[in-house]
Structures are given as C-alpha cells and as structure tokens.
Amino acid sequence: MVDQRIERAVQRIESALARIAAVADAERATPPAASADLAERHERLSQAAAGALKEIDALIARLER
C-alpha cells in the first residue's frame, strides 16, 4: 500500500516535471518579437486595470460619504 502511494507520488512528480520542461521549451521557442508584443500588451492591460481600480475606489469613496 505504501509502495503504491510512493509510486503514484513519483509518477505525479515526473508528470509535473515533464509539463515544466515543455513550458520551458516553448518559452525558448517564442520569437523575441512575440515576447516584446506580449510585454507591451501586458503593460497596457496593467495600466487599464490600475485605472479601473482607481475609478472603483473613487466610486466607493463617494458612496461612503
């Protein structure tokens, strides 16, 4: 019973390592232009989210008055 649990745990760890390796390989294969585009989109989304949060904070502050 204990041996089976250990074997299943080892299999899960090996599976996780394989997924990590696949992601790492995919990132290395991503062209720099795509990475730059992704970084730019991330920045725009971050700024939009920050603006939306500020608006929500302002609305909450007005409602609390």
N, C-alpha and C. Protein backbone atom coordinates (compact mmCIF):
# COMPACT_ATOMS: atom_id res chain seq x y z
N MET A 1 0.83 -1.20 0.00
CA MET A 1 0.00 0.00 0.00
C MET A 1 0.87 1.25 0.00
N VAL A 2 1.85 1.29 0.90
CA VAL A 2 2.74 2.45 0.97
C VAL A 2 3.55 2.56 -0.31
N ASP A 3 3.99 1.42 -0.84
CA ASP A 3 4.77 1.43 -2.08
C ASP A 3 3.96 2.00 -3.23
N GLN A 4 2.67 1.67 -3.29
CA GLN A 4 1.81 2.18 -4.36
C GLN A 4 1.65 3.69 -4.23
N ARG A 5 1.49 4.18 -3.02
CA ARG A 5 1.35 5.63 -2.81
C ARG A 5 2.62 6.35 -3.22
N ILE A 6 3.76 5.76 -2.88
CA ILE A 6 5.04 6.37 -3.25
C ILE A 6 5.18 6.37 -4.76
N GLU A 7 4.83 5.26 -5.39
CA GLU A 7 4.93 5.16 -6.85
C GLU A 7 4.03 6.19 -7.53
N ARG A 8 2.79 6.36 -7.03
CA ARG A 8 1.89 7.36 -7.61
C ARG A 8 2.44 8.76 -7.41
N ALA A 9 3.02 9.02 -6.25
CA ALA A 9 3.60 10.34 -5.99
C ALA A 9 4.76 10.61 -6.93
N VAL A 10 5.60 9.61 -7.14
CA VAL A 10 6.73 9.76 -8.06
C VAL A 10 6.23 10.00 -9.48
N GLN A 11 5.18 9.30 -9.88
CA GLN A 11 4.62 9.50 -11.21
C GLN A 11 4.06 10.91 -11.37
N ARG A 12 3.40 11.42 -10.34
CA ARG A 12 2.88 12.79 -10.41
C ARG A 12 4.02 13.80 -10.51
N ILE A 13 5.08 13.57 -9.76
CA ILE A 13 6.24 14.47 -9.81
C ILE A 13 6.86 14.43 -11.20
N GLU A 14 7.03 13.23 -11.76
CA GLU A 14 7.60 13.12 -13.09
C GLU A 14 6.72 13.80 -14.13
N SER A 15 5.41 13.66 -13.99
CA SER A 15 4.48 14.31 -14.90
C SER A 15 4.60 15.83 -14.80
N ALA A 16 4.68 16.33 -13.57
CA ALA A 16 4.83 17.78 -13.37
C ALA A 16 6.14 18.27 -13.97
N LEU A 17 7.21 17.52 -13.79
CA LEU A 17 8.49 17.91 -14.37
C LEU A 17 8.43 17.94 -15.89
N ALA A 18 7.72 17.00 -16.48
CA ALA A 18 7.57 16.98 -17.94
C ALA A 18 6.80 18.22 -18.41
N ARG A 19 5.75 18.60 -17.66
CA ARG A 19 5.00 19.81 -18.03
C ARG A 19 5.87 21.05 -17.90
N ILE A 20 6.66 21.12 -16.84
CA ILE A 20 7.56 22.27 -16.65
C ILE A 20 8.56 22.35 -17.80
N ALA A 21 9.12 21.21 -18.16
CA ALA A 21 10.09 21.18 -19.27
C ALA A 21 9.44 21.62 -20.57
N ALA A 22 8.20 21.19 -20.80
CA ALA A 22 7.51 21.59 -22.04
C ALA A 22 7.28 23.09 -22.08
N VAL A 23 6.91 23.68 -20.96
CA VAL A 23 6.71 25.13 -20.92
C VAL A 23 8.03 25.86 -21.14
N ALA A 24 9.08 25.37 -20.50
CA ALA A 24 10.40 26.00 -20.67
C ALA A 24 10.85 25.93 -22.13
N ASP A 25 10.64 24.78 -22.77
CA ASP A 25 10.99 24.64 -24.19
C ASP A 25 10.17 25.59 -25.05
N ALA A 26 8.90 25.72 -24.75
CA ALA A 26 8.03 26.60 -25.54
C ALA A 26 8.47 28.06 -25.38
N GLU A 27 8.87 28.44 -24.19
CA GLU A 27 9.32 29.82 -23.98
C GLU A 27 10.60 30.10 -24.75
N ARG A 28 11.48 29.12 -24.80
CA ARG A 28 12.72 29.31 -25.57
C ARG A 28 12.43 29.41 -27.06
N ALA A 29 11.34 28.78 -27.50
CA ALA A 29 10.99 28.79 -28.92
C ALA A 29 10.22 30.04 -29.31
N THR A 30 9.76 30.83 -28.33
CA THR A 30 8.99 32.03 -28.63
C THR A 30 9.90 33.08 -29.24
N PRO A 31 9.56 33.58 -30.41
CA PRO A 31 10.40 34.60 -31.03
C PRO A 31 10.42 35.88 -30.19
N PRO A 32 11.54 36.59 -30.17
CA PRO A 32 11.65 37.81 -29.38
C PRO A 32 10.56 38.84 -29.70
N ALA A 33 10.17 38.95 -30.96
CA ALA A 33 9.14 39.91 -31.33
C ALA A 33 7.83 39.58 -30.64
N ALA A 34 7.51 38.31 -30.55
CA ALA A 34 6.28 37.90 -29.88
C ALA A 34 6.36 38.21 -28.40
N SER A 35 7.54 38.03 -27.80
CA SER A 35 7.72 38.34 -26.39
C SER A 35 7.56 39.84 -26.15
N ALA A 36 8.11 40.64 -27.04
CA ALA A 36 8.01 42.10 -26.90
C ALA A 36 6.55 42.53 -27.03
N ASP A 37 5.84 41.93 -27.97
CA ASP A 37 4.43 42.25 -28.15
C ASP A 37 3.63 41.86 -26.91
N LEU A 38 3.93 40.71 -26.37
CA LEU A 38 3.25 40.25 -25.17
C LEU A 38 3.53 41.18 -23.99
N ALA A 39 4.77 41.61 -23.85
CA ALA A 39 5.13 42.53 -22.77
C ALA A 39 4.40 43.86 -22.93
N GLU A 40 4.29 44.34 -24.16
CA GLU A 40 3.58 45.60 -24.41
C GLU A 40 2.09 45.45 -24.08
N ARG A 41 1.49 44.36 -24.50
CA ARG A 41 0.08 44.12 -24.19
C ARG A 41 -0.14 44.00 -22.69
N HIS A 42 0.78 43.35 -22.02
CA HIS A 42 0.67 43.20 -20.56
C HIS A 42 0.72 44.57 -19.89
N GLU A 43 1.61 45.42 -20.35
CA GLU A 43 1.72 46.76 -19.77
C GLU A 43 0.44 47.55 -19.98
N ARG A 44 -0.12 47.49 -21.18
CA ARG A 44 -1.37 48.20 -21.45
C ARG A 44 -2.51 47.68 -20.57
N LEU A 45 -2.59 46.37 -20.43
CA LEU A 45 -3.63 45.78 -19.59
C LEU A 45 -3.43 46.16 -18.12
N SER A 46 -2.19 46.17 -17.68
CA SER A 46 -1.90 46.57 -16.29
C SER A 46 -2.32 48.00 -16.04
N GLN A 47 -2.03 48.88 -16.98
CA GLN A 47 -2.42 50.28 -16.83
C GLN A 47 -3.94 50.42 -16.84
N ALA A 48 -4.60 49.68 -17.71
CA ALA A 48 -6.06 49.74 -17.76
C ALA A 48 -6.67 49.22 -16.46
N ALA A 49 -6.11 48.15 -15.92
CA ALA A 49 -6.61 47.60 -14.66
C ALA A 49 -6.40 48.58 -13.52
N ALA A 50 -5.23 49.21 -13.48
CA ALA A 50 -4.94 50.20 -12.44
C ALA A 50 -5.92 51.37 -12.53
N GLY A 51 -6.21 51.83 -13.74
CA GLY A 51 -7.17 52.91 -13.93
C GLY A 51 -8.57 52.52 -13.47
N ALA A 52 -8.96 51.30 -13.80
CA ALA A 52 -10.28 50.81 -13.39
C ALA A 52 -10.38 50.72 -11.87
N LEU A 53 -9.31 50.27 -11.24
CA LEU A 53 -9.31 50.18 -9.78
C LEU A 53 -9.40 51.56 -9.14
N LYS A 54 -8.73 52.53 -9.73
CA LYS A 54 -8.83 53.90 -9.21
C LYS A 54 -10.25 54.42 -9.33
N GLU A 55 -10.89 54.14 -10.45
CA GLU A 55 -12.29 54.56 -10.63
C GLU A 55 -13.20 53.90 -9.60
N ILE A 56 -12.99 52.62 -9.38
CA ILE A 56 -13.80 51.90 -8.40
C ILE A 56 -13.57 52.49 -7.01
N ASP A 57 -12.31 52.77 -6.67
CA ASP A 57 -12.01 53.38 -5.36
C ASP A 57 -12.73 54.71 -5.22
N ALA A 58 -12.71 55.51 -6.29
CA ALA A 58 -13.38 56.82 -6.23
C ALA A 58 -14.88 56.65 -6.06
N LEU A 59 -15.48 55.70 -6.75
CA LEU A 59 -16.91 55.45 -6.61
C LEU A 59 -17.25 55.00 -5.19
N ILE A 60 -16.45 54.12 -4.63
CA ILE A 60 -16.69 53.64 -3.27
C ILE A 60 -16.56 54.80 -2.28
N ALA A 61 -15.56 55.63 -2.49
CA ALA A 61 -15.37 56.78 -1.60
C ALA A 61 -16.59 57.71 -1.66
N ARG A 62 -17.13 57.93 -2.85
CA ARG A 62 -18.32 58.79 -2.97
C ARG A 62 -19.53 58.16 -2.30
N LEU A 63 -19.66 56.85 -2.41
CA LEU A 63 -20.80 56.16 -1.80
C LEU A 63 -20.71 56.16 -0.27
N GLU A 64 -19.50 56.19 0.25
CA GLU A 64 -19.32 56.16 1.69
C GLU A 64 -19.60 57.50 2.34
N ARG A 65 -19.70 58.56 1.57
CA ARG A 65 -19.94 59.90 2.14
C ARG A 65 -21.36 60.05 2.58
